[in-house]
PDB file of N, CA and C in Angstrom:
ATOM      1  N   UNK A   1       0.847  -1.179   0.000  1.00  0.00           N
ATOM      2  CA  UNK A   1       0.000   0.000   0.000  1.00  0.00           C
ATOM      3  C   UNK A   1       0.888   1.236   0.000  1.00  0.00           C
ATOM      4  N   UNK A   2       0.621   2.151  -0.905  1.00  0.00           N
ATOM      5  CA  UNK A   2       1.385   3.392  -1.019  1.00  0.00           C
ATOM      6  C   UNK A   2       0.430   4.565  -0.854  1.00  0.00           C
ATOM      7  N   UNK A   3       0.796   5.485   0.036  1.00  0.00           N
ATOM      8  CA  UNK A   3      -0.040   6.653   0.311  1.00  0.00           C
ATOM      9  C   UNK A   3       0.801   7.905   0.175  1.00  0.00           C
ATOM     10  N   UNK A   4       0.306   8.869  -0.577  1.00  0.00           N
ATOM     11  CA  UNK A   4       0.941  10.177  -0.727  1.00  0.00           C
ATOM     12  C   UNK A   4       0.174  11.163   0.138  1.00  0.00           C
ATOM     13  N   UNK A   5       0.877  11.753   1.089  1.00  0.00           N
ATOM     14  CA  UNK A   5       0.292  12.808   1.925  1.00  0.00           C
ATOM     15  C   UNK A   5       0.672  14.123   1.275  1.00  0.00           C
ATOM     16  N   UNK A   6      -0.334  14.875   0.849  1.00  0.00           N
ATOM     17  CA  UNK A   6      -0.093  16.031  -0.009  1.00  0.00           C
ATOM     18  C   UNK A   6      -1.081  17.155   0.263  1.00  0.00           C
ATOM     19  N   UNK A   7      -0.578  18.373   0.112  1.00  0.00           N
ATOM     20  CA  UNK A   7      -1.462  19.543   0.167  1.00  0.00           C
ATOM     21  C   UNK A   7      -1.563  20.211  -1.198  1.00  0.00           C
ATOM     22  N   UNK A   8      -0.906  19.610  -2.199  1.00  0.00           N
ATOM     23  CA  UNK A   8      -0.934  20.194  -3.539  1.00  0.00           C
ATOM     24  C   UNK A   8       0.161  21.218  -3.767  1.00  0.00           C
ATOM     25  N   UNK A   9       1.136  21.269  -2.880  1.00  0.00           N
ATOM     26  CA  UNK A   9       2.246  22.218  -3.013  1.00  0.00           C
ATOM     27  C   UNK A   9       3.126  21.822  -4.208  1.00  0.00           C
ATOM     28  N   UNK A  10       4.049  22.689  -4.636  1.00  0.00           N
ATOM     29  CA  UNK A  10       4.903  22.351  -5.781  1.00  0.00           C
ATOM     30  C   UNK A  10       5.680  21.035  -5.615  1.00  0.00           C
ATOM     31  N   UNK A  11       6.244  20.776  -4.440  1.00  0.00           N
ATOM     32  CA  UNK A  11       6.963  19.523  -4.228  1.00  0.00           C
ATOM     33  C   UNK A  11       6.004  18.333  -4.288  1.00  0.00           C
ATOM     34  N   UNK A  12       4.808  18.522  -3.775  1.00  0.00           N
ATOM     35  CA  UNK A  12       3.791  17.462  -3.832  1.00  0.00           C
ATOM     36  C   UNK A  12       3.496  17.108  -5.283  1.00  0.00           C
ATOM     37  N   UNK A  13       3.377  18.122  -6.134  1.00  0.00           N
ATOM     38  CA  UNK A  13       3.077  17.897  -7.544  1.00  0.00           C
ATOM     39  C   UNK A  13       4.220  17.179  -8.244  1.00  0.00           C
ATOM     40  N   UNK A  14       5.458  17.506  -7.892  1.00  0.00           N
ATOM     41  CA  UNK A  14       6.622  16.834  -8.481  1.00  0.00           C
ATOM     42  C   UNK A  14       6.607  15.356  -8.114  1.00  0.00           C
ATOM     43  N   UNK A  15       6.393  15.058  -6.833  1.00  0.00           N
ATOM     44  CA  UNK A  15       6.383  13.663  -6.388  1.00  0.00           C
ATOM     45  C   UNK A  15       5.229  12.906  -7.041  1.00  0.00           C
ATOM     46  N   UNK A  16       4.072  13.525  -7.136  1.00  0.00           N
ATOM     47  CA  UNK A  16       2.915  12.895  -7.775  1.00  0.00           C
ATOM     48  C   UNK A  16       3.226  12.569  -9.236  1.00  0.00           C
ATOM     49  N   UNK A  17       3.859  13.493  -9.940  1.00  0.00           N
ATOM     50  CA  UNK A  17       4.227  13.277 -11.343  1.00  0.00           C
ATOM     51  C   UNK A  17       5.182  12.111 -11.482  1.00  0.00           C
ATOM     52  N   UNK A  18       6.167  12.026 -10.594  1.00  0.00           N
ATOM     53  CA  UNK A  18       7.146  10.937 -10.641  1.00  0.00           C
ATOM     54  C   UNK A  18       6.470   9.587 -10.364  1.00  0.00           C
ATOM     55  N   UNK A  19       5.545   9.560  -9.418  1.00  0.00           N
ATOM     56  CA  UNK A  19       4.799   8.328  -9.140  1.00  0.00           C
ATOM     57  C   UNK A  19       3.980   7.909 -10.370  1.00  0.00           C
ATOM     58  N   UNK A  20       3.324   8.878 -10.989  1.00  0.00           N
ATOM     59  CA  UNK A  20       2.497   8.594 -12.163  1.00  0.00           C
ATOM     60  C   UNK A  20       3.341   8.066 -13.328  1.00  0.00           C
ATOM     61  N   UNK A  21       4.523   8.666 -13.538  1.00  0.00           N
ATOM     62  CA  UNK A  21       5.389   8.237 -14.641  1.00  0.00           C
ATOM     63  C   UNK A  21       5.858   6.798 -14.469  1.00  0.00           C
ATOM     64  N   UNK A  22       6.007   6.359 -13.228  1.00  0.00           N
ATOM     65  CA  UNK A  22       6.425   4.982 -12.951  1.00  0.00           C
ATOM     66  C   UNK A  22       5.227   4.037 -12.828  1.00  0.00           C
ATOM     67  N   UNK A  23       4.017   4.583 -13.018  1.00  0.00           N
ATOM     68  CA  UNK A  23       2.783   3.794 -12.902  1.00  0.00           C
ATOM     69  C   UNK A  23       2.639   3.135 -11.531  1.00  0.00           C
ATOM     70  N   UNK A  24       3.076   3.845 -10.498  1.00  0.00           N
ATOM     71  CA  UNK A  24       2.942   3.347  -9.130  1.00  0.00           C
ATOM     72  C   UNK A  24       1.541   3.709  -8.640  1.00  0.00           C
ATOM     73  N   UNK A  25       0.827   2.711  -8.173  1.00  0.00           N
ATOM     74  CA  UNK A  25      -0.538   2.924  -7.681  1.00  0.00           C
ATOM     75  C   UNK A  25      -0.459   3.432  -6.245  1.00  0.00           C
ATOM     76  N   UNK A  26      -1.175   4.503  -5.961  1.00  0.00           N
ATOM     77  CA  UNK A  26      -1.134   5.114  -4.636  1.00  0.00           C
ATOM     78  C   UNK A  26      -2.450   5.820  -4.371  1.00  0.00           C
ATOM     79  N   UNK A  27      -2.682   6.091  -3.108  1.00  0.00           N
ATOM     80  CA  UNK A  27      -3.835   6.913  -2.746  1.00  0.00           C
ATOM     81  C   UNK A  27      -3.306   8.230  -2.194  1.00  0.00           C
ATOM     82  N   UNK A  28      -4.094   9.275  -2.345  1.00  0.00           N
ATOM     83  CA  UNK A  28      -3.701  10.597  -1.871  1.00  0.00           C
ATOM     84  C   UNK A  28      -4.518  10.943  -0.636  1.00  0.00           C
ATOM     85  N   UNK A  29      -3.818  11.385   0.416  1.00  0.00           N
ATOM     86  CA  UNK A  29      -4.477  11.889   1.617  1.00  0.00           C
ATOM     87  C   UNK A  29      -4.130  13.369   1.716  1.00  0.00           C
ATOM     88  N   UNK A  30      -5.147  14.205   1.709  1.00  0.00           N
ATOM     89  CA  UNK A  30      -4.914  15.644   1.792  1.00  0.00           C
ATOM     90  C   UNK A  30      -5.492  16.242   3.075  1.00  0.00           C
ATOM     91  N   UNK A  31      -5.967  15.395   3.958  1.00  0.00           N
ATOM     92  CA  UNK A  31      -6.536  15.839   5.236  1.00  0.00           C
ATOM     93  C   UNK A  31      -5.403  16.166   6.210  1.00  0.00           C
ATOM     94  N   UNK A  32      -5.245  17.442   6.496  1.00  0.00           N
ATOM     95  CA  UNK A  32      -4.158  17.899   7.371  1.00  0.00           C
ATOM     96  C   UNK A  32      -4.274  17.277   8.762  1.00  0.00           C
ATOM     97  N   UNK A  33      -5.483  17.049   9.243  1.00  0.00           N
ATOM     98  CA  UNK A  33      -5.653  16.440  10.564  1.00  0.00           C
ATOM     99  C   UNK A  33      -5.087  15.022  10.613  1.00  0.00           C
ATOM    100  N   UNK A  34      -5.234  14.290   9.521  1.00  0.00           N
ATOM    101  CA  UNK A  34      -4.658  12.939   9.442  1.00  0.00           C
ATOM    102  C   UNK A  34      -3.132  13.040   9.488  1.00  0.00           C
ATOM    103  N   UNK A  35      -2.587  14.005   8.742  1.00  0.00           N
ATOM    104  CA  UNK A  35      -1.126  14.196   8.720  1.00  0.00           C
ATOM    105  C   UNK A  35      -0.609  14.573  10.105  1.00  0.00           C
ATOM    106  N   UNK A  36      -1.292  15.474  10.770  1.00  0.00           N
ATOM    107  CA  UNK A  36      -0.875  15.891  12.110  1.00  0.00           C
ATOM    108  C   UNK A  36      -0.953  14.732  13.101  1.00  0.00           C
ATOM    109  N   UNK A  37      -1.960  13.887  12.946  1.00  0.00           N
ATOM    110  CA  UNK A  37      -2.104  12.731  13.829  1.00  0.00           C
ATOM    111  C   UNK A  37      -0.943  11.757  13.659  1.00  0.00           C
ATOM    112  N   UNK A  38      -0.324  11.764  12.479  1.00  0.00           N
ATOM    113  CA  UNK A  38       0.837  10.916  12.220  1.00  0.00           C
ATOM    114  C   UNK A  38       2.145  11.678  12.467  1.00  0.00           C
ATOM    115  N   UNK A  39       2.046  12.831  13.131  1.00  0.00           N
ATOM    116  CA  UNK A  39       3.201  13.682  13.471  1.00  0.00           C
ATOM    117  C   UNK A  39       3.925  14.221  12.245  1.00  0.00           C
ATOM    118  N   UNK A  40       3.223  14.395  11.149  1.00  0.00           N
ATOM    119  CA  UNK A  40       3.823  14.981   9.949  1.00  0.00           C
ATOM    120  C   UNK A  40       3.750  16.491  10.054  1.00  0.00           C
ATOM    121  N   UNK A  41       4.868  17.131   9.861  1.00  0.00           N
ATOM    122  CA  UNK A  41       4.924  18.588   9.962  1.00  0.00           C
ATOM    123  C   UNK A  41       5.293  19.243   8.635  1.00  0.00           C
ATOM    124  N   UNK A  42       5.514  18.416   7.613  1.00  0.00           N
ATOM    125  CA  UNK A  42       5.800  18.944   6.284  1.00  0.00           C
ATOM    126  C   UNK A  42       5.251  17.971   5.252  1.00  0.00           C
ATOM    127  N   UNK A  43       5.107  18.442   4.035  1.00  0.00           N
ATOM    128  CA  UNK A  43       4.637  17.605   2.933  1.00  0.00           C
ATOM    129  C   UNK A  43       5.546  17.856   1.736  1.00  0.00           C
ATOM    130  N   UNK A  44       5.580  16.976   0.799  1.00  0.00           N
ATOM    131  CA  UNK A  44       4.879  15.699   0.776  1.00  0.00           C
ATOM    132  C   UNK A  44       5.592  14.643   1.609  1.00  0.00           C
ATOM    133  N   UNK A  45       4.819  13.663   2.017  1.00  0.00           N
ATOM    134  CA  UNK A  45       5.342  12.465   2.679  1.00  0.00           C
ATOM    135  C   UNK A  45       4.766  11.283   1.913  1.00  0.00           C
ATOM    136  N   UNK A  46       5.550  10.237   1.829  1.00  0.00           N
ATOM    137  CA  UNK A  46       5.101   9.036   1.146  1.00  0.00           C
ATOM    138  C   UNK A  46       5.184   7.883   2.134  1.00  0.00           C
ATOM    139  N   UNK A  47       4.096   7.150   2.251  1.00  0.00           N
ATOM    140  CA  UNK A  47       4.077   5.985   3.128  1.00  0.00           C
ATOM    141  C   UNK A  47       3.961   4.736   2.267  1.00  0.00           C
ATOM    142  N   UNK A  48       4.941   3.849   2.403  1.00  0.00           N
ATOM    143  CA  UNK A  48       4.967   2.603   1.639  1.00  0.00           C
ATOM    144  C   UNK A  48       5.055   1.449   2.624  1.00  0.00           C
ATOM    145  N   UNK A  49       4.026   0.632   2.659  1.00  0.00           N
ATOM    146  CA  UNK A  49       3.971  -0.528   3.554  1.00  0.00           C
ATOM    147  C   UNK A  49       4.335  -0.154   4.996  1.00  0.00           C
ATOM    148  N   UNK A  50       3.803   0.975   5.461  1.00  0.00           N
ATOM    149  CA  UNK A  50       4.008   1.389   6.845  1.00  0.00           C
ATOM    150  C   UNK A  50       5.249   2.237   7.086  1.00  0.00           C
ATOM    151  N   UNK A  51       6.133   2.355   6.091  1.00  0.00           N
ATOM    152  CA  UNK A  51       7.334   3.184   6.236  1.00  0.00           C
ATOM    153  C   UNK A  51       7.058   4.565   5.673  1.00  0.00           C
ATOM    154  N   UNK A  52       7.271   5.590   6.492  1.00  0.00           N
ATOM    155  CA  UNK A  52       7.017   6.956   6.066  1.00  0.00           C
ATOM    156  C   UNK A  52       8.333   7.592   5.611  1.00  0.00           C
ATOM    157  N   UNK A  53       8.289   8.183   4.414  1.00  0.00           N
ATOM    158  CA  UNK A  53       9.475   8.793   3.821  1.00  0.00           C
ATOM    159  C   UNK A  53       9.269  10.283   3.598  1.00  0.00           C
ATOM    160  N   UNK A  54      10.349  11.035   3.804  1.00  0.00           N
ATOM    161  CA  UNK A  54      10.342  12.454   3.480  1.00  0.00           C
ATOM    162  C   UNK A  54      10.393  12.616   1.962  1.00  0.00           C
ATOM    163  N   UNK A  55      10.292  13.833   1.519  1.00  0.00           N
ATOM    164  CA  UNK A  55      10.298  14.127   0.079  1.00  0.00           C
ATOM    165  C   UNK A  55      11.527  13.529  -0.615  1.00  0.00           C
ATOM    166  N   UNK A  56      12.720  13.820  -0.105  1.00  0.00           N
ATOM    167  CA  UNK A  56      13.943  13.334  -0.767  1.00  0.00           C
ATOM    168  C   UNK A  56      14.035  11.816  -0.745  1.00  0.00           C
ATOM    169  N   UNK A  57      13.695  11.213   0.383  1.00  0.00           N
ATOM    170  CA  UNK A  57      13.699   9.743   0.451  1.00  0.00           C
ATOM    171  C   UNK A  57      12.683   9.150  -0.522  1.00  0.00           C
ATOM    172  N   UNK A  58      11.533   9.799  -0.634  1.00  0.00           N
ATOM    173  CA  UNK A  58      10.484   9.315  -1.540  1.00  0.00           C
ATOM    174  C   UNK A  58      10.935   9.420  -2.997  1.00  0.00           C
ATOM    175  N   UNK A  59      11.586  10.524  -3.362  1.00  0.00           N
ATOM    176  CA  UNK A  59      12.088  10.696  -4.728  1.00  0.00           C
ATOM    177  C   UNK A  59      13.076   9.577  -5.047  1.00  0.00           C
ATOM    178  N   UNK A  60      13.985   9.296  -4.114  1.00  0.00           N
ATOM    179  CA  UNK A  60      14.963   8.228  -4.324  1.00  0.00           C
ATOM    180  C   UNK A  60      14.288   6.868  -4.418  1.00  0.00           C
ATOM    181  N   UNK A  61      13.275   6.628  -3.593  1.00  0.00           N
ATOM    182  CA  UNK A  61      12.548   5.362  -3.628  1.00  0.00           C
ATOM    183  C   UNK A  61      11.885   5.172  -4.995  1.00  0.00           C
ATOM    184  N   UNK A  62      11.257   6.223  -5.493  1.00  0.00           N
ATOM    185  CA  UNK A  62      10.572   6.143  -6.803  1.00  0.00           C
ATOM    186  C   UNK A  62      11.594   5.823  -7.891  1.00  0.00           C
ATOM    187  N   UNK A  63      12.757   6.467  -7.848  1.00  0.00           N
ATOM    188  CA  UNK A  63      13.800   6.223  -8.857  1.00  0.00           C
ATOM    189  C   UNK A  63      14.222   4.753  -8.869  1.00  0.00           C
ATOM    190  N   UNK A  64      14.239   4.112  -7.696  1.00  0.00           N
ATOM    191  CA  UNK A  64      14.685   2.731  -7.590  1.00  0.00           C
ATOM    192  C   UNK A  64      13.662   1.714  -8.063  1.00  0.00           C
ATOM    193  N   UNK A  65      12.424   2.145  -8.233  1.00  0.00           N
ATOM    194  CA  UNK A  65      11.370   1.212  -8.622  1.00  0.00           C
ATOM    195  C   UNK A  65      11.476   0.879 -10.106  1.00  0.00           C
ATOM    196  N   UNK A  66      11.494  -0.390 -10.425  1.00  0.00           N
ATOM    197  CA  UNK A  66      11.568  -0.844 -11.815  1.00  0.00           C
ATOM    198  C   UNK A  66      10.244  -1.445 -12.243  1.00  0.00           C
ATOM    199  N   UNK A  67       9.275  -0.580 -12.340  1.00  0.00           N
ATOM    200  CA  UNK A  67       7.918  -1.025 -12.704  1.00  0.00           C
ATOM    201  C   UNK A  67       7.684  -0.709 -14.169  1.00  0.00           C
TER     202      UNK A  67
END
């Protein structure tokens, strides 16, 4: 399960585009209260199988995917 936590900011759009180009299936959560409940203080964040990644970690993760 892959979840993108996003507010639609420029970095969020970049990460979303990279996910789409790799055809990675994900859901988008834009509810700030959900993000705060998970102690997220910045976006975008990517959660993959329970592991939460910052923007840079998420970009690197997407690059490594051979889908």
